[in-house]
Amino acid sequence: MNGYCPVCKENSEQSLVEHNEELHVRGEKVQVVSEYLHCTKCKNDFKKDPSAPDAQEVANMVYRERKGMMQPSELIKLRKSFGLTQKEFSLLLGIGIATLNRYENGALQTEAHDQMIRLYSNPKNLRSILAEKSEYFSEERYTELSNKLYDLIQGDEGLLNECMEQFGSYDADIYSGNAGFNAEKLFQAIKFFCFQTPLQKAKLKGYLWLADFMHYRLHGESITGLRYIRTTFVPKAEYFNTWLTALTEWRNELQVEERITEEHCYEVYSTEAHDWSLFTPAELAILATVKDKFKDYTTTQIRDYLHEEKGWKQTKNGELISYEFASHLRI
């Protein structure tokens, strides 16, 4: 192809070439493939798209993906969703405006700053810190921002309340473990299993099923009141993805990170906090038993273990699994 070369400043024949580079980001190796145009006149390579991120910026993006950190575009989108200027957001975060500006323009944030930003990505938390720092805002601006955050909070809670009313208002029976659905216990059970231990979705599904059925066997009712469906891989809590979305997106209480290996691409969930106070000592003991027993199992091993359970064997795909099978639980 012919084009203008910004190096020799002439029109020349050019060819597309790829550069494979190994860069280091905070002590970790990152492989980056970049596209360049090669000028046959001056023999120099130059970026195909001058506005495209350079190799170091791409390496930073890959590193963020590995660590589950926020990308610059996500940070900008988050700030704008709150209606905040850079100065206002930096003030609330306690991060210098120059530092925040660098992060939004591609600089790699510290893990401490990333955790802080994620903490305040929850409008409830941000509204609380806004109230603490109200003296830095005019009365008119404070009211505007507080109302904006309130609307966001109500929006997320409204979605959750609507889902709870639509999906969780069933009668307590043998398919719910003789207990009514308890969303807060479900959320805290998920956070208990993911506390400081990144967990794949399939294992999380298995943990919940085992814990609820084990508690039913010992105490006559489930912990969460969930109903479980027999699927090809593992038993799945009814509307499981909805409740997971509530924790990861509406409440921002659970972090999700994509991990890539040579054979698989999968997501893991983790959290740095959970509330034990909702559970009885017996419930906590069962949650801990399940987590400890299966912590070293792979998802395949969890699947194979659950496929030997009578409740899975004697229920058809897509059907609810009766808690009557809890008496045959092997754990």
C-alpha atoms as a PDB file:
ATOM      1  CA  MET A   1       0.000   0.000   0.000  1.00  0.00           C
ATOM      2  CA  ASN A   2       1.048   3.606  -0.555  1.00  0.00           C
ATOM      3  CA  GLY A   3       0.843   6.310   2.065  1.00  0.00           C
ATOM      4  CA  TYR A   4       2.476   9.209   3.792  1.00  0.00           C
ATOM      5  CA  CYS A   5       5.378   8.406   6.127  1.00  0.00           C
ATOM      6  CA  PRO A   6       5.571  10.754   9.125  1.00  0.00           C
ATOM      7  CA  VAL A   7       9.252   9.843   9.608  1.00  0.00           C
ATOM      8  CA  CYS A   8      10.732  10.674   6.193  1.00  0.00           C
ATOM      9  CA  LYS A   9       7.738  12.913   5.383  1.00  0.00           C
ATOM     10  CA  GLU A  10       7.262  11.447   1.911  1.00  0.00           C
ATOM     11  CA  ASN A  11       4.765   9.213   0.172  1.00  0.00           C
ATOM     12  CA  SER A  12       6.112   5.686   0.023  1.00  0.00           C
ATOM     13  CA  GLU A  13       5.283   2.009  -0.320  1.00  0.00           C
ATOM     14  CA  GLN A  14       4.333   0.647   3.081  1.00  0.00           C
ATOM     15  CA  SER A  15       3.696  -2.785   4.556  1.00  0.00           C
ATOM     16  CA  LEU A  16       1.918  -3.870   7.720  1.00  0.00           C
ATOM     17  CA  VAL A  17       4.160  -5.449  10.353  1.00  0.00           C
ATOM     18  CA  GLU A  18       3.573  -6.763  13.868  1.00  0.00           C
ATOM     19  CA  HIS A  19       5.889  -6.257  16.805  1.00  0.00           C
ATOM     20  CA  ASN A  20       5.795  -8.854  19.572  1.00  0.00           C
ATOM     21  CA  GLU A  21       7.078  -7.255  22.742  1.00  0.00           C
ATOM     22  CA  GLU A  22       7.540  -8.534  26.273  1.00  0.00           C
ATOM     23  CA  LEU A  23       7.056  -5.749  28.772  1.00  0.00           C
ATOM     24  CA  HIS A  24       7.219  -5.761  32.540  1.00  0.00           C
ATOM     25  CA  VAL A  25       4.415  -4.275  34.601  1.00  0.00           C
ATOM     26  CA  ARG A  26       5.035  -4.222  38.348  1.00  0.00           C
ATOM     27  CA  GLY A  27       7.271  -7.246  38.160  1.00  0.00           C
ATOM     28  CA  GLU A  28       5.021  -9.298  35.867  1.00  0.00           C
ATOM     29  CA  LYS A  29       5.730 -10.180  32.247  1.00  0.00           C
ATOM     30  CA  VAL A  30       3.135  -9.055  29.706  1.00  0.00           C
ATOM     31  CA  GLN A  31       3.168 -10.043  26.034  1.00  0.00           C
ATOM     32  CA  VAL A  32       1.963  -7.302  23.691  1.00  0.00           C
ATOM     33  CA  VAL A  33       1.389  -7.449  19.936  1.00  0.00           C
ATOM     34  CA  SER A  34       1.413  -4.044  18.212  1.00  0.00           C
ATOM     35  CA  GLU A  35       0.706  -3.188  14.580  1.00  0.00           C
ATOM     36  CA  TYR A  36       2.998  -0.810  12.706  1.00  0.00           C
ATOM     37  CA  LEU A  37       3.483   0.354   9.132  1.00  0.00           C
ATOM     38  CA  HIS A  38       6.935  -0.149   7.619  1.00  0.00           C
ATOM     39  CA  CYS A  39       8.224   2.493   5.213  1.00  0.00           C
ATOM     40  CA  THR A  40      10.279   1.008   2.362  1.00  0.00           C
ATOM     41  CA  LYS A  41      12.072   4.329   1.784  1.00  0.00           C
ATOM     42  CA  CYS A  42      13.424   5.205   5.214  1.00  0.00           C
ATOM     43  CA  LYS A  43      13.093   1.651   6.621  1.00  0.00           C
ATOM     44  CA  ASN A  44      11.366   2.957   9.747  1.00  0.00           C
ATOM     45  CA  ASP A  45       8.258   1.644  11.434  1.00  0.00           C
ATOM     46  CA  PHE A  46       5.522   3.941  12.696  1.00  0.00           C
ATOM     47  CA  LYS A  47       2.136   3.470  14.318  1.00  0.00           C
ATOM     48  CA  LYS A  48      -0.643   2.540  11.948  1.00  0.00           C
ATOM     49  CA  ASP A  49      -3.071   4.633  13.984  1.00  0.00           C
ATOM     50  CA  PRO A  50      -1.397   7.605  15.720  1.00  0.00           C
ATOM     51  CA  SER A  51      -4.232   7.756  18.256  1.00  0.00           C
ATOM     52  CA  ALA A  52      -3.940   4.066  19.226  1.00  0.00           C
ATOM     53  CA  PRO A  53      -2.457   3.284  22.663  1.00  0.00           C
ATOM     54  CA  ASP A  54       1.254   2.515  22.712  1.00  0.00           C
ATOM     55  CA  ALA A  55       2.685  -0.829  23.826  1.00  0.00           C
ATOM     56  CA  GLN A  56       3.059   0.238  27.455  1.00  0.00           C
ATOM     57  CA  GLU A  57      -0.552   1.400  27.633  1.00  0.00           C
ATOM     58  CA  VAL A  58      -1.713  -1.915  26.160  1.00  0.00           C
ATOM     59  CA  ALA A  59       0.446  -3.778  28.684  1.00  0.00           C
ATOM     60  CA  ASN A  60      -1.164  -1.753  31.473  1.00  0.00           C
ATOM     61  CA  MET A  61      -4.610  -2.710  30.163  1.00  0.00           C
ATOM     62  CA  VAL A  62      -3.679  -6.398  30.144  1.00  0.00           C
ATOM     63  CA  TYR A  63      -2.306  -6.085  33.669  1.00  0.00           C
ATOM     64  CA  ARG A  64      -5.528  -4.440  34.870  1.00  0.00           C
ATOM     65  CA  GLU A  65      -7.551  -7.288  33.357  1.00  0.00           C
ATOM     66  CA  ARG A  66      -5.391  -9.833  35.189  1.00  0.00           C
ATOM     67  CA  LYS A  67      -5.862  -8.068  38.497  1.00  0.00           C
ATOM     68  CA  GLY A  68      -9.515  -7.174  38.049  1.00  0.00           C
ATOM     69  CA  MET A  69      -8.683  -3.463  38.169  1.00  0.00           C
ATOM     70  CA  MET A  70     -10.724  -0.678  36.623  1.00  0.00           C
ATOM     71  CA  GLN A  71      -9.802   0.440  33.112  1.00  0.00           C
ATOM     72  CA  PRO A  72      -9.522   4.189  32.318  1.00  0.00           C
ATOM     73  CA  SER A  73     -12.696   4.114  30.204  1.00  0.00           C
ATOM     74  CA  GLU A  74     -14.587   2.492  33.109  1.00  0.00           C
ATOM     75  CA  LEU A  75     -13.276   5.121  35.520  1.00  0.00           C
ATOM     76  CA  ILE A  76     -14.420   7.964  33.259  1.00  0.00           C
ATOM     77  CA  LYS A  77     -17.817   6.330  32.740  1.00  0.00           C
ATOM     78  CA  LEU A  78     -18.223   5.862  36.505  1.00  0.00           C
ATOM     79  CA  ARG A  79     -17.355   9.478  37.325  1.00  0.00           C
ATOM     80  CA  LYS A  80     -19.701  10.828  34.676  1.00  0.00           C
ATOM     81  CA  SER A  81     -22.528   8.547  35.825  1.00  0.00           C
ATOM     82  CA  PHE A  82     -22.367  10.381  39.163  1.00  0.00           C
ATOM     83  CA  GLY A  83     -22.357  13.780  37.429  1.00  0.00           C
ATOM     84  CA  LEU A  84     -18.982  14.645  38.965  1.00  0.00           C
ATOM     85  CA  THR A  85     -16.127  16.715  37.592  1.00  0.00           C
ATOM     86  CA  GLN A  86     -12.572  15.414  37.969  1.00  0.00           C
ATOM     87  CA  LYS A  87     -11.963  17.930  40.734  1.00  0.00           C
ATOM     88  CA  GLU A  88     -15.071  16.866  42.653  1.00  0.00           C
ATOM     89  CA  PHE A  89     -14.384  13.154  42.279  1.00  0.00           C
ATOM     90  CA  SER A  90     -10.746  13.546  43.316  1.00  0.00           C
ATOM     91  CA  LEU A  91     -11.868  15.492  46.378  1.00  0.00           C
ATOM     92  CA  LEU A  92     -14.314  12.793  47.438  1.00  0.00           C
ATOM     93  CA  LEU A  93     -11.788  10.017  46.800  1.00  0.00           C
ATOM     94  CA  GLY A  94      -8.959  11.836  48.543  1.00  0.00           C
ATOM     95  CA  ILE A  95      -6.824  11.482  45.409  1.00  0.00           C
ATOM     96  CA  GLY A  96      -5.060  14.462  43.831  1.00  0.00           C
ATOM     97  CA  ILE A  97      -6.742  15.785  40.713  1.00  0.00           C
ATOM     98  CA  ALA A  98      -3.495  15.404  38.730  1.00  0.00           C
ATOM     99  CA  THR A  99      -3.310  11.755  39.780  1.00  0.00           C
ATOM    100  CA  LEU A 100      -6.944  11.095  38.835  1.00  0.00           C
ATOM    101  CA  ASN A 101      -6.363  12.808  35.486  1.00  0.00           C
ATOM    102  CA  ARG A 102      -3.387  10.512  34.805  1.00  0.00           C
ATOM    103  CA  TYR A 103      -5.459   7.451  35.662  1.00  0.00           C
ATOM    104  CA  GLU A 104      -8.209   8.520  33.279  1.00  0.00           C
ATOM    105  CA  ASN A 105      -5.598   9.041  30.565  1.00  0.00           C
ATOM    106  CA  GLY A 106      -4.028   5.602  30.865  1.00  0.00           C
ATOM    107  CA  ALA A 107      -1.566   5.702  33.765  1.00  0.00           C
ATOM    108  CA  LEU A 108      -1.659   2.542  35.897  1.00  0.00           C
ATOM    109  CA  GLN A 109      -3.346   3.172  39.220  1.00  0.00           C
ATOM    110  CA  THR A 110      -2.103   1.746  42.498  1.00  0.00           C
ATOM    111  CA  GLU A 111      -4.020  -1.206  43.916  1.00  0.00           C
ATOM    112  CA  ALA A 112      -4.925   0.884  46.976  1.00  0.00           C
ATOM    113  CA  HIS A 113      -6.436   3.606  44.798  1.00  0.00           C
ATOM    114  CA  ASP A 114      -8.252   1.029  42.676  1.00  0.00           C
ATOM    115  CA  GLN A 115      -9.819  -0.527  45.771  1.00  0.00           C
ATOM    116  CA  MET A 116     -10.847   2.920  47.001  1.00  0.00           C
ATOM    117  CA  ILE A 117     -12.453   3.788  43.669  1.00  0.00           C
ATOM    118  CA  ARG A 118     -14.330   0.477  43.659  1.00  0.00           C
ATOM    119  CA  LEU A 119     -15.515   1.121  47.207  1.00  0.00           C
ATOM    120  CA  TYR A 120     -16.953   4.473  46.186  1.00  0.00           C
ATOM    121  CA  SER A 121     -18.387   3.130  42.938  1.00  0.00           C
ATOM    122  CA  ASN A 122     -21.287   2.166  45.199  1.00  0.00           C
ATOM    123  CA  PRO A 123     -23.519   5.288  45.249  1.00  0.00           C
ATOM    124  CA  LYS A 124     -24.442   4.553  48.880  1.00  0.00           C
ATOM    125  CA  ASN A 125     -20.804   4.796  49.942  1.00  0.00           C
ATOM    126  CA  LEU A 126     -20.158   7.854  47.789  1.00  0.00           C
ATOM    127  CA  ARG A 127     -23.213   9.646  49.184  1.00  0.00           C
ATOM    128  CA  SER A 128     -21.939   8.974  52.707  1.00  0.00           C
ATOM    129  CA  ILE A 129     -18.521  10.477  51.966  1.00  0.00           C
ATOM    130  CA  LEU A 130     -20.228  13.402  50.211  1.00  0.00           C
ATOM    131  CA  ALA A 131     -22.111  14.118  53.444  1.00  0.00           C
ATOM    132  CA  GLU A 132     -18.842  14.022  55.398  1.00  0.00           C
ATOM    133  CA  LYS A 133     -17.224  16.493  53.004  1.00  0.00           C
ATOM    134  CA  SER A 134     -20.267  18.713  52.417  1.00  0.00           C
ATOM    135  CA  GLU A 135     -18.367  21.839  53.488  1.00  0.00           C
ATOM    136  CA  TYR A 136     -16.259  21.633  50.305  1.00  0.00           C
ATOM    137  CA  PHE A 137     -19.347  22.114  48.118  1.00  0.00           C
ATOM    138  CA  SER A 138     -21.798  24.953  47.730  1.00  0.00           C
ATOM    139  CA  GLU A 139     -25.206  24.239  49.206  1.00  0.00           C
ATOM    140  CA  GLU A 140     -26.732  24.145  45.733  1.00  0.00           C
ATOM    141  CA  ARG A 141     -24.098  21.763  44.331  1.00  0.00           C
ATOM    142  CA  TYR A 142     -24.211  19.511  47.391  1.00  0.00           C
ATOM    143  CA  THR A 143     -27.988  19.165  47.089  1.00  0.00           C
ATOM    144  CA  GLU A 144     -27.722  18.445  43.364  1.00  0.00           C
ATOM    145  CA  LEU A 145     -25.106  15.708  43.832  1.00  0.00           C
ATOM    146  CA  SER A 146     -26.821  14.205  46.874  1.00  0.00           C
ATOM    147  CA  ASN A 147     -30.106  13.957  44.971  1.00  0.00           C
ATOM    148  CA  LYS A 148     -28.349  12.420  41.965  1.00  0.00           C
ATOM    149  CA  LEU A 149     -26.756   9.733  44.133  1.00  0.00           C
ATOM    150  CA  TYR A 150     -30.038   9.140  45.930  1.00  0.00           C
ATOM    151  CA  ASP A 151     -31.768   8.511  42.605  1.00  0.00           C
ATOM    152  CA  LEU A 152     -29.037   6.015  41.646  1.00  0.00           C
ATOM    153  CA  ILE A 153     -29.411   4.233  44.975  1.00  0.00           C
ATOM    154  CA  GLN A 154     -33.168   4.048  44.582  1.00  0.00           C
ATOM    155  CA  GLY A 155     -32.750   2.758  41.038  1.00  0.00           C
ATOM    156  CA  ASP A 156     -30.567  -0.174  42.080  1.00  0.00           C
ATOM    157  CA  GLU A 157     -32.644  -0.964  45.149  1.00  0.00           C
ATOM    158  CA  GLY A 158     -35.781  -0.685  43.059  1.00  0.00           C
ATOM    159  CA  LEU A 159     -34.441  -3.289  40.632  1.00  0.00           C
ATOM    160  CA  LEU A 160     -33.522  -5.586  43.501  1.00  0.00           C
ATOM    161  CA  ASN A 161     -36.876  -5.155  45.229  1.00  0.00           C
ATOM    162  CA  GLU A 162     -38.671  -5.833  41.967  1.00  0.00           C
ATOM    163  CA  CYS A 163     -36.656  -9.022  41.415  1.00  0.00           C
ATOM    164  CA  MET A 164     -37.264 -10.176  44.988  1.00  0.00           C
ATOM    165  CA  GLU A 165     -40.992  -9.618  44.598  1.00  0.00           C
ATOM    166  CA  GLN A 166     -41.108 -11.357  41.226  1.00  0.00           C
ATOM    167  CA  PHE A 167     -38.685 -14.241  41.812  1.00  0.00           C
ATOM    168  CA  GLY A 168     -38.537 -14.742  45.565  1.00  0.00           C
ATOM    169  CA  SER A 169     -42.135 -14.540  46.748  1.00  0.00           C
ATOM    170  CA  TYR A 170     -42.934 -18.255  46.635  1.00  0.00           C
ATOM    171  CA  ASP A 171     -44.319 -20.357  49.464  1.00  0.00           C
ATOM    172  CA  ALA A 172     -42.004 -22.266  51.767  1.00  0.00           C
ATOM    173  CA  ASP A 173     -42.184 -25.937  50.809  1.00  0.00           C
ATOM    174  CA  ILE A 174     -40.046 -29.007  50.168  1.00  0.00           C
ATOM    175  CA  TYR A 175     -38.461 -27.315  47.146  1.00  0.00           C
ATOM    176  CA  SER A 176     -37.267 -24.312  49.161  1.00  0.00           C
ATOM    177  CA  GLY A 177     -36.184 -26.324  52.174  1.00  0.00           C
ATOM    178  CA  ASN A 178     -39.281 -25.344  54.190  1.00  0.00           C
ATOM    179  CA  ALA A 179     -37.985 -21.758  54.352  1.00  0.00           C
ATOM    180  CA  GLY A 180     -38.981 -18.511  52.687  1.00  0.00           C
ATOM    181  CA  PHE A 181     -36.465 -16.901  50.358  1.00  0.00           C
ATOM    182  CA  ASN A 182     -34.007 -14.697  52.271  1.00  0.00           C
ATOM    183  CA  ALA A 183     -32.025 -12.499  49.858  1.00  0.00           C
ATOM    184  CA  GLU A 184     -29.761 -11.022  52.549  1.00  0.00           C
ATOM    185  CA  LYS A 185     -28.736 -14.452  53.797  1.00  0.00           C
ATOM    186  CA  LEU A 186     -28.095 -15.524  50.218  1.00  0.00           C
ATOM    187  CA  PHE A 187     -25.918 -12.476  49.550  1.00  0.00           C
ATOM    188  CA  GLN A 188     -23.924 -12.938  52.740  1.00  0.00           C
ATOM    189  CA  ALA A 189     -23.514 -16.677  52.073  1.00  0.00           C
ATOM    190  CA  ILE A 190     -22.095 -15.878  48.636  1.00  0.00           C
ATOM    191  CA  LYS A 191     -19.751 -13.308  50.171  1.00  0.00           C
ATOM    192  CA  PHE A 192     -18.757 -15.804  52.896  1.00  0.00           C
ATOM    193  CA  PHE A 193     -17.682 -18.343  50.268  1.00  0.00           C
ATOM    194  CA  CYS A 194     -15.874 -15.682  48.189  1.00  0.00           C
ATOM    195  CA  PHE A 195     -14.261 -13.902  51.150  1.00  0.00           C
ATOM    196  CA  GLN A 196     -10.550 -13.490  50.301  1.00  0.00           C
ATOM    197  CA  THR A 197     -10.841 -16.630  48.152  1.00  0.00           C
ATOM    198  CA  PRO A 198     -11.608 -15.987  44.467  1.00  0.00           C
ATOM    199  CA  LEU A 199     -14.222 -18.550  43.467  1.00  0.00           C
ATOM    200  CA  GLN A 200     -15.466 -19.738  40.096  1.00  0.00           C
ATOM    201  CA  LYS A 201     -19.199 -19.590  39.424  1.00  0.00           C
ATOM    202  CA  ALA A 202     -19.626 -23.374  39.166  1.00  0.00           C
ATOM    203  CA  LYS A 203     -18.009 -23.938  42.563  1.00  0.00           C
ATOM    204  CA  LEU A 204     -20.126 -21.180  44.091  1.00  0.00           C
ATOM    205  CA  LYS A 205     -23.309 -22.845  42.794  1.00  0.00           C
ATOM    206  CA  GLY A 206     -22.199 -26.170  44.281  1.00  0.00           C
ATOM    207  CA  TYR A 207     -21.272 -24.639  47.644  1.00  0.00           C
ATOM    208  CA  LEU A 208     -24.699 -23.018  48.040  1.00  0.00           C
ATOM    209  CA  TRP A 209     -26.550 -26.222  47.171  1.00  0.00           C
ATOM    210  CA  LEU A 210     -24.487 -28.330  49.558  1.00  0.00           C
ATOM    211  CA  ALA A 211     -24.832 -25.829  52.418  1.00  0.00           C
ATOM    212  CA  ASP A 212     -28.600 -25.445  52.067  1.00  0.00           C
ATOM    213  CA  PHE A 213     -29.223 -29.193  51.768  1.00  0.00           C
ATOM    214  CA  MET A 214     -26.852 -29.993  54.628  1.00  0.00           C
ATOM    215  CA  HIS A 215     -28.625 -27.502  56.914  1.00  0.00           C
ATOM    216  CA  TYR A 216     -32.002 -28.927  55.911  1.00  0.00           C
ATOM    217  CA  ARG A 217     -30.851 -32.445  56.733  1.00  0.00           C
ATOM    218  CA  LEU A 218     -29.675 -31.408  60.198  1.00  0.00           C
ATOM    219  CA  HIS A 219     -32.226 -28.743  61.141  1.00  0.00           C
ATOM    220  CA  GLY A 220     -35.285 -29.207  58.912  1.00  0.00           C
ATOM    221  CA  GLU A 221     -34.946 -26.016  56.883  1.00  0.00           C
ATOM    222  CA  SER A 222     -32.533 -24.453  54.412  1.00  0.00           C
ATOM    223  CA  ILE A 223     -30.358 -21.427  55.139  1.00  0.00           C
ATOM    224  CA  THR A 224     -31.387 -19.223  52.215  1.00  0.00           C
ATOM    225  CA  GLY A 225     -34.761 -20.598  51.135  1.00  0.00           C
ATOM    226  CA  LEU A 226     -33.409 -21.039  47.626  1.00  0.00           C
ATOM    227  CA  ARG A 227     -34.889 -23.472  45.138  1.00  0.00           C
ATOM    228  CA  TYR A 228     -32.379 -25.424  43.051  1.00  0.00           C
ATOM    229  CA  ILE A 229     -32.627 -26.618  39.464  1.00  0.00           C
ATOM    230  CA  ARG A 230     -30.898 -29.698  38.076  1.00  0.00           C
ATOM    231  CA  THR A 231     -28.572 -28.673  35.208  1.00  0.00           C
ATOM    232  CA  THR A 232     -26.080 -30.664  33.175  1.00  0.00           C
ATOM    233  CA  PHE A 233     -23.068 -29.300  35.045  1.00  0.00           C
ATOM    234  CA  VAL A 234     -24.051 -28.645  38.681  1.00  0.00           C
ATOM    235  CA  PRO A 235     -27.286 -27.885  40.590  1.00  0.00           C
ATOM    236  CA  LYS A 236     -28.051 -24.182  40.142  1.00  0.00           C
ATOM    237  CA  ALA A 237     -29.979 -21.851  42.420  1.00  0.00           C
ATOM    238  CA  GLU A 238     -33.092 -20.564  40.685  1.00  0.00           C
ATOM    239  CA  TYR A 239     -32.403 -17.088  39.185  1.00  0.00           C
ATOM    240  CA  PHE A 240     -28.790 -17.418  40.298  1.00  0.00           C
ATOM    241  CA  ASN A 241     -27.455 -15.010  37.650  1.00  0.00           C
ATOM    242  CA  THR A 242     -29.933 -12.339  38.735  1.00  0.00           C
ATOM    243  CA  TRP A 243     -28.781 -12.512  42.356  1.00  0.00           C
ATOM    244  CA  LEU A 244     -25.141 -12.483  41.239  1.00  0.00           C
ATOM    245  CA  THR A 245     -25.805  -9.370  39.149  1.00  0.00           C
ATOM    246  CA  ALA A 246     -27.386  -7.730  42.187  1.00  0.00           C
ATOM    247  CA  LEU A 247     -24.196  -8.257  44.187  1.00  0.00           C
ATOM    248  CA  THR A 248     -21.695  -7.374  41.459  1.00  0.00           C
ATOM    249  CA  GLU A 249     -23.440  -4.502  39.659  1.00  0.00           C
ATOM    250  CA  TRP A 250     -26.293  -3.109  41.742  1.00  0.00           C
ATOM    251  CA  ARG A 251     -24.595  -3.315  45.127  1.00  0.00           C
ATOM    252  CA  ASN A 252     -20.948  -3.473  44.080  1.00  0.00           C
ATOM    253  CA  GLU A 253     -20.260  -5.821  47.004  1.00  0.00           C
ATOM    254  CA  LEU A 254     -18.696  -8.600  44.940  1.00  0.00           C
ATOM    255  CA  GLN A 255     -15.787  -8.216  42.539  1.00  0.00           C
ATOM    256  CA  VAL A 256     -15.545 -10.202  39.324  1.00  0.00           C
ATOM    257  CA  GLU A 257     -12.248 -10.873  37.552  1.00  0.00           C
ATOM    258  CA  GLU A 258     -11.661 -12.565  34.219  1.00  0.00           C
ATOM    259  CA  ARG A 259      -8.837 -15.096  34.140  1.00  0.00           C
ATOM    260  CA  ILE A 260      -7.285 -16.538  31.018  1.00  0.00           C
ATOM    261  CA  THR A 261      -5.223 -19.708  30.678  1.00  0.00           C
ATOM    262  CA  GLU A 262      -4.000 -21.538  27.610  1.00  0.00           C
ATOM    263  CA  GLU A 263      -7.140 -23.701  27.654  1.00  0.00           C
ATOM    264  CA  HIS A 264      -9.857 -21.678  29.360  1.00  0.00           C
ATOM    265  CA  CYS A 265     -11.277 -18.228  29.923  1.00  0.00           C
ATOM    266  CA  TYR A 266     -13.360 -17.920  33.083  1.00  0.00           C
ATOM    267  CA  GLU A 267     -14.521 -15.508  35.782  1.00  0.00           C
ATOM    268  CA  VAL A 268     -13.853 -15.607  39.513  1.00  0.00           C
ATOM    269  CA  TYR A 269     -15.680 -13.731  42.264  1.00  0.00           C
ATOM    270  CA  SER A 270     -14.207 -12.308  45.457  1.00  0.00           C
ATOM    271  CA  THR A 271     -14.949  -9.878  48.275  1.00  0.00           C
ATOM    272  CA  GLU A 272     -13.076  -8.303  51.157  1.00  0.00           C
ATOM    273  CA  ALA A 273     -16.001  -8.182  53.598  1.00  0.00           C
ATOM    274  CA  HIS A 274     -19.085 -10.063  54.680  1.00  0.00           C
ATOM    275  CA  ASP A 275     -21.571  -9.928  57.553  1.00  0.00           C
ATOM    276  CA  TRP A 276     -21.592 -12.952  59.866  1.00  0.00           C
ATOM    277  CA  SER A 277     -24.310 -11.551  62.146  1.00  0.00           C
ATOM    278  CA  LEU A 278     -27.208 -12.766  60.000  1.00  0.00           C
ATOM    279  CA  PHE A 279     -26.358 -16.427  60.562  1.00  0.00           C
ATOM    280  CA  THR A 280     -26.912 -18.710  63.512  1.00  0.00           C
ATOM    281  CA  PRO A 281     -23.865 -20.596  64.876  1.00  0.00           C
ATOM    282  CA  ALA A 282     -25.201 -23.746  63.202  1.00  0.00           C
ATOM    283  CA  GLU A 283     -25.504 -21.996  59.834  1.00  0.00           C
ATOM    284  CA  LEU A 284     -22.003 -20.560  60.091  1.00  0.00           C
ATOM    285  CA  ALA A 285     -20.603 -23.964  60.997  1.00  0.00           C
ATOM    286  CA  ILE A 286     -22.162 -25.503  57.884  1.00  0.00           C
ATOM    287  CA  LEU A 287     -20.955 -22.709  55.594  1.00  0.00           C
ATOM    288  CA  ALA A 288     -17.436 -23.132  56.989  1.00  0.00           C
ATOM    289  CA  THR A 289     -17.591 -26.934  56.641  1.00  0.00           C
ATOM    290  CA  VAL A 290     -18.532 -26.742  52.969  1.00  0.00           C
ATOM    291  CA  LYS A 291     -15.917 -24.095  52.181  1.00  0.00           C
ATOM    292  CA  ASP A 292     -13.140 -25.971  53.958  1.00  0.00           C
ATOM    293  CA  LYS A 293     -13.989 -29.419  52.552  1.00  0.00           C
ATOM    294  CA  PHE A 294     -14.095 -28.359  48.916  1.00  0.00           C
ATOM    295  CA  LYS A 295     -11.564 -25.502  48.855  1.00  0.00           C
ATOM    296  CA  ASP A 296      -9.001 -27.566  46.927  1.00  0.00           C
ATOM    297  CA  TYR A 297     -11.489 -29.075  44.486  1.00  0.00           C
ATOM    298  CA  THR A 298     -11.399 -27.991  40.871  1.00  0.00           C
ATOM    299  CA  THR A 299     -14.678 -27.192  39.128  1.00  0.00           C
ATOM    300  CA  THR A 300     -14.469 -30.571  37.400  1.00  0.00           C
ATOM    301  CA  GLN A 301     -14.004 -32.354  40.722  1.00  0.00           C
ATOM    302  CA  ILE A 302     -16.951 -30.451  42.225  1.00  0.00           C
ATOM    303  CA  ARG A 303     -19.071 -31.452  39.235  1.00  0.00           C
ATOM    304  CA  ASP A 304     -18.084 -35.110  39.531  1.00  0.00           C
ATOM    305  CA  TYR A 305     -18.780 -35.073  43.270  1.00  0.00           C
ATOM    306  CA  LEU A 306     -22.246 -33.560  42.833  1.00  0.00           C
ATOM    307  CA  HIS A 307     -23.112 -35.926  39.998  1.00  0.00           C
ATOM    308  CA  GLU A 308     -22.889 -38.772  42.507  1.00  0.00           C
ATOM    309  CA  GLU A 309     -25.533 -37.181  44.725  1.00  0.00           C
ATOM    310  CA  LYS A 310     -28.918 -38.910  44.633  1.00  0.00           C
ATOM    311  CA  GLY A 311     -30.703 -35.577  44.236  1.00  0.00           C
ATOM    312  CA  TRP A 312     -28.865 -34.924  40.979  1.00  0.00           C
ATOM    313  CA  LYS A 313     -29.166 -38.493  39.687  1.00  0.00           C
ATOM    314  CA  GLN A 314     -32.900 -38.819  40.250  1.00  0.00           C
ATOM    315  CA  THR A 315     -33.948 -35.397  38.981  1.00  0.00           C
ATOM    316  CA  LYS A 316     -34.315 -34.494  35.312  1.00  0.00           C
ATOM    317  CA  ASN A 317     -32.607 -31.493  33.722  1.00  0.00           C
ATOM    318  CA  GLY A 318     -34.589 -28.302  34.285  1.00  0.00           C
ATOM    319  CA  GLU A 319     -36.578 -29.698  37.218  1.00  0.00           C
ATOM    320  CA  LEU A 320     -36.458 -28.452  40.798  1.00  0.00           C
ATOM    321  CA  ILE A 321     -34.509 -30.699  43.182  1.00  0.00           C
ATOM    322  CA  SER A 322     -36.504 -31.717  46.236  1.00  0.00           C
ATOM    323  CA  TYR A 323     -34.871 -31.191  49.635  1.00  0.00           C
ATOM    324  CA  GLU A 324     -36.069 -34.727  50.456  1.00  0.00           C
ATOM    325  CA  PHE A 325     -32.842 -35.854  48.857  1.00  0.00           C
ATOM    326  CA  ALA A 326     -30.888 -34.078  51.625  1.00  0.00           C
ATOM    327  CA  SER A 327     -31.135 -37.246  53.716  1.00  0.00           C
ATOM    328  CA  HIS A 328     -28.841 -38.935  51.157  1.00  0.00           C
ATOM    329  CA  LEU A 329     -26.246 -36.139  51.150  1.00  0.00           C
ATOM    330  CA  ARG A 330     -22.742 -37.580  51.430  1.00  0.00           C
ATOM    331  CA  ILE A 331     -21.042 -34.623  53.098  1.00  0.00           C
END
